[in-house]
Protein backbone atom coordinates (compact mmCIF):
# COMPACT_ATOMS: atom_id res chain seq x y z
CA UNK A 1 0.00 0.00 0.00
CA UNK A 2 1.29 3.45 -0.91
CA UNK A 3 2.04 5.85 1.89
CA UNK A 4 -0.10 8.97 1.63
CA UNK A 5 2.00 12.01 0.80
CA UNK A 6 1.83 14.82 3.34
CA UNK A 7 0.20 17.94 1.92
CA UNK A 8 1.47 21.30 3.00
CA UNK A 9 -0.18 24.62 2.46
CA UNK A 10 2.00 27.37 1.09
CA UNK A 11 1.20 31.01 0.68
CA UNK A 12 3.49 32.93 -1.60
CA UNK A 13 3.67 35.97 -3.78
CA UNK A 14 5.73 36.45 -6.93
CA UNK A 15 7.10 39.83 -5.90
CA UNK A 16 9.40 40.50 -8.84
CA UNK A 17 10.41 39.27 -12.26
CA UNK A 18 13.73 40.87 -13.04
CA UNK A 19 15.40 40.77 -16.45
CA UNK A 20 19.09 40.31 -15.77
CA UNK A 21 20.10 40.39 -19.42
CA UNK A 22 19.00 39.43 -22.91
CA UNK A 23 20.42 39.39 -26.39
CA UNK A 24 19.31 38.96 -29.97
CA UNK A 25 21.71 38.45 -32.86
CA UNK A 26 20.97 38.66 -36.56
CA UNK A 27 21.26 35.17 -38.03
CA UNK A 28 22.01 36.55 -41.51
CA UNK A 29 25.11 38.38 -40.25
CA UNK A 30 26.76 35.01 -39.53
CA UNK A 31 25.68 33.39 -42.79
CA UNK A 32 22.45 31.63 -41.84
CA UNK A 33 19.10 31.79 -43.63
CA UNK A 34 15.53 31.80 -42.39
CA UNK A 35 15.31 28.13 -43.38
CA UNK A 36 18.21 27.36 -41.01
CA UNK A 37 16.10 28.59 -38.09
CA UNK A 38 14.14 25.34 -38.28
CA UNK A 39 17.31 23.63 -37.01
CA UNK A 40 17.77 25.99 -34.06
CA UNK A 41 18.59 24.37 -30.74
CA UNK A 42 17.20 25.45 -27.40
CA UNK A 43 18.54 24.99 -23.89
CA UNK A 44 17.65 26.12 -20.42
CA UNK A 45 19.44 26.42 -17.12
CA UNK A 46 18.02 27.16 -13.69
CA UNK A 47 19.66 28.38 -10.50
CA UNK A 48 17.84 28.35 -7.17
CA UNK A 49 18.82 30.71 -4.36
CA UNK A 50 17.21 30.43 -0.94
CA UNK A 51 17.21 33.28 1.58
CA UNK A 52 15.41 32.17 4.76
CA UNK A 53 16.08 35.50 6.50
CA UNK A 54 14.17 37.41 3.81
CA UNK A 55 11.67 34.55 3.27
CA UNK A 56 12.67 34.36 -0.40
CA UNK A 57 13.17 31.70 -3.00
CA UNK A 58 14.84 33.18 -6.08
CA UNK A 59 14.89 31.18 -9.28
CA UNK A 60 17.04 32.31 -12.17
CA UNK A 61 15.99 31.04 -15.58
CA UNK A 62 18.35 31.17 -18.54
CA UNK A 63 17.13 30.40 -22.05
CA UNK A 64 19.34 30.24 -25.12
CA UNK A 65 18.59 29.66 -28.82
CA UNK A 66 21.48 28.78 -31.08
CA UNK A 67 22.51 27.15 -34.35
CA UNK A 68 25.41 24.80 -34.96
CA UNK A 69 27.63 24.80 -38.02
CA UNK A 70 30.93 22.96 -38.34
CA UNK A 71 30.73 22.03 -34.64
CA UNK A 72 30.60 25.73 -33.67
CA UNK A 73 27.64 27.25 -31.83
CA UNK A 74 26.15 30.56 -32.95
CA UNK A 75 23.91 32.32 -30.45
CA UNK A 76 20.66 33.65 -31.88
CA UNK A 77 18.90 34.95 -28.80
CA UNK A 78 18.76 34.47 -25.08
CA UNK A 79 17.39 35.67 -21.81
CA UNK A 80 18.34 35.53 -18.14
CA UNK A 81 15.60 36.40 -15.69
CA UNK A 82 15.21 36.15 -11.90
CA UNK A 83 11.86 35.36 -10.26
CA UNK A 84 11.55 36.33 -6.59
CA UNK A 85 9.02 34.38 -4.56
CA UNK A 86 8.16 35.71 -1.08
CA UNK A 87 6.97 32.89 1.19
CA UNK A 88 4.62 33.52 4.11
CA UNK A 89 5.86 31.76 7.28
CA UNK A 90 8.96 30.60 5.39
CA UNK A 91 10.79 28.93 8.28
CA UNK A 92 7.73 26.99 9.46
CA UNK A 93 6.55 26.09 5.95
CA UNK A 94 9.92 24.66 4.92
CA UNK A 95 10.98 23.29 8.32
CA UNK A 96 14.02 25.59 8.39
CA UNK A 97 16.74 24.48 10.77
CA UNK A 98 19.85 26.26 11.97
CA UNK A 99 22.11 23.90 10.00
CA UNK A 100 20.74 25.51 6.81
CA UNK A 101 18.71 22.43 5.87
CA UNK A 102 15.42 23.32 4.26
CA UNK A 103 12.68 20.95 3.19
CA UNK A 104 11.22 22.12 -0.12
CA UNK A 105 8.77 19.61 -1.55
CA UNK A 106 9.31 18.74 -5.20
CA UNK A 107 5.76 19.78 -6.17
CA UNK A 108 6.30 23.29 -4.80
CA UNK A 109 9.62 23.67 -6.60
CA UNK A 110 8.02 22.34 -9.80
CA UNK A 111 5.20 24.89 -9.44
CA UNK A 112 7.72 27.74 -9.06
CA UNK A 113 9.67 26.48 -12.09
CA UNK A 114 6.48 26.34 -14.15
CA UNK A 115 5.75 29.97 -13.25
CA UNK A 116 9.33 30.94 -14.19
CA UNK A 117 9.18 29.16 -17.54
CA UNK A 118 5.86 30.80 -18.42
CA UNK A 119 7.19 34.23 -17.49
CA UNK A 120 10.36 33.71 -19.52
CA UNK A 121 8.31 32.66 -22.56
CA UNK A 122 6.30 35.86 -22.26
CA UNK A 123 9.43 37.99 -21.92
CA UNK A 124 11.00 36.39 -24.98
CA UNK A 125 7.86 37.17 -26.98
CA UNK A 126 8.03 40.80 -25.89
CA UNK A 127 11.78 41.18 -26.38
CA UNK A 128 12.20 39.58 -29.78
CA UNK A 129 12.40 42.29 -32.41
CA UNK A 130 13.17 39.97 -35.32
CA UNK A 131 9.83 38.70 -36.68
CA UNK A 132 11.52 35.45 -37.76
CA UNK A 133 12.35 34.66 -34.14
CA UNK A 134 8.74 35.25 -33.12
CA UNK A 135 7.80 32.33 -35.40
CA UNK A 136 10.08 29.92 -33.51
CA UNK A 137 7.97 27.41 -31.59
CA UNK A 138 9.34 26.89 -28.11
CA UNK A 139 9.47 23.24 -27.07
CA UNK A 140 7.74 22.06 -23.93
CA UNK A 141 9.90 22.03 -20.83
CA UNK A 142 9.26 19.34 -18.20
CA UNK A 143 9.35 21.32 -14.95
CA UNK A 144 8.99 18.13 -12.85
CA UNK A 145 12.15 16.70 -14.41
CA UNK A 146 14.01 19.97 -13.79
CA UNK A 147 12.82 19.98 -10.16
CA UNK A 148 14.14 16.41 -9.75
CA UNK A 149 17.50 17.46 -11.17
CA UNK A 150 17.77 20.51 -8.88
CA UNK A 151 16.83 18.47 -5.81
CA UNK A 152 19.30 15.71 -6.67
CA UNK A 153 22.07 18.26 -7.17
CA UNK A 154 21.26 20.05 -3.91
CA UNK A 155 21.17 16.79 -1.95
CA UNK A 156 24.57 15.84 -3.30
CA UNK A 157 25.87 19.17 -2.01
CA UNK A 158 23.94 18.60 1.26
CA UNK A 159 22.21 21.99 1.10
CA UNK A 160 18.55 21.03 1.05
CA UNK A 161 16.24 18.09 1.23
CA UNK A 162 12.76 17.22 0.11
CA UNK A 163 9.82 15.63 1.78
């Protein structure tokens, strides 16, 4: 029989979405055509910062579009954005302990990542000035898989744990 997962209630506010930087390069200036854009690659990276004293979880989301030719990568566009989540009753909600161990359930982290990804997609739409880039269809990003990866990495560094 499966053990019932403990549900926790969390109250939070997305207090800021901050663009750290962005770029957009002209693909034609490096010898690519509009047809080449169909071969564009996409990658993401996420960094999680936890500040129990300010009751914040900050998630940085980096998105990069690029093309490859002759084993060299050519950046087309990218974005780095920070999402600041203010958590009500942070220390109690995440079972904060003096040894800097914090319990952040995977589902909560996945929810925050989903919010970050959606916000970054919206920012990219607003920031792209090249109409050809606006036609690029962004692939789906599995926020549960990313949450697993972040949690595994944090556990290996002994900085956080999950319930």
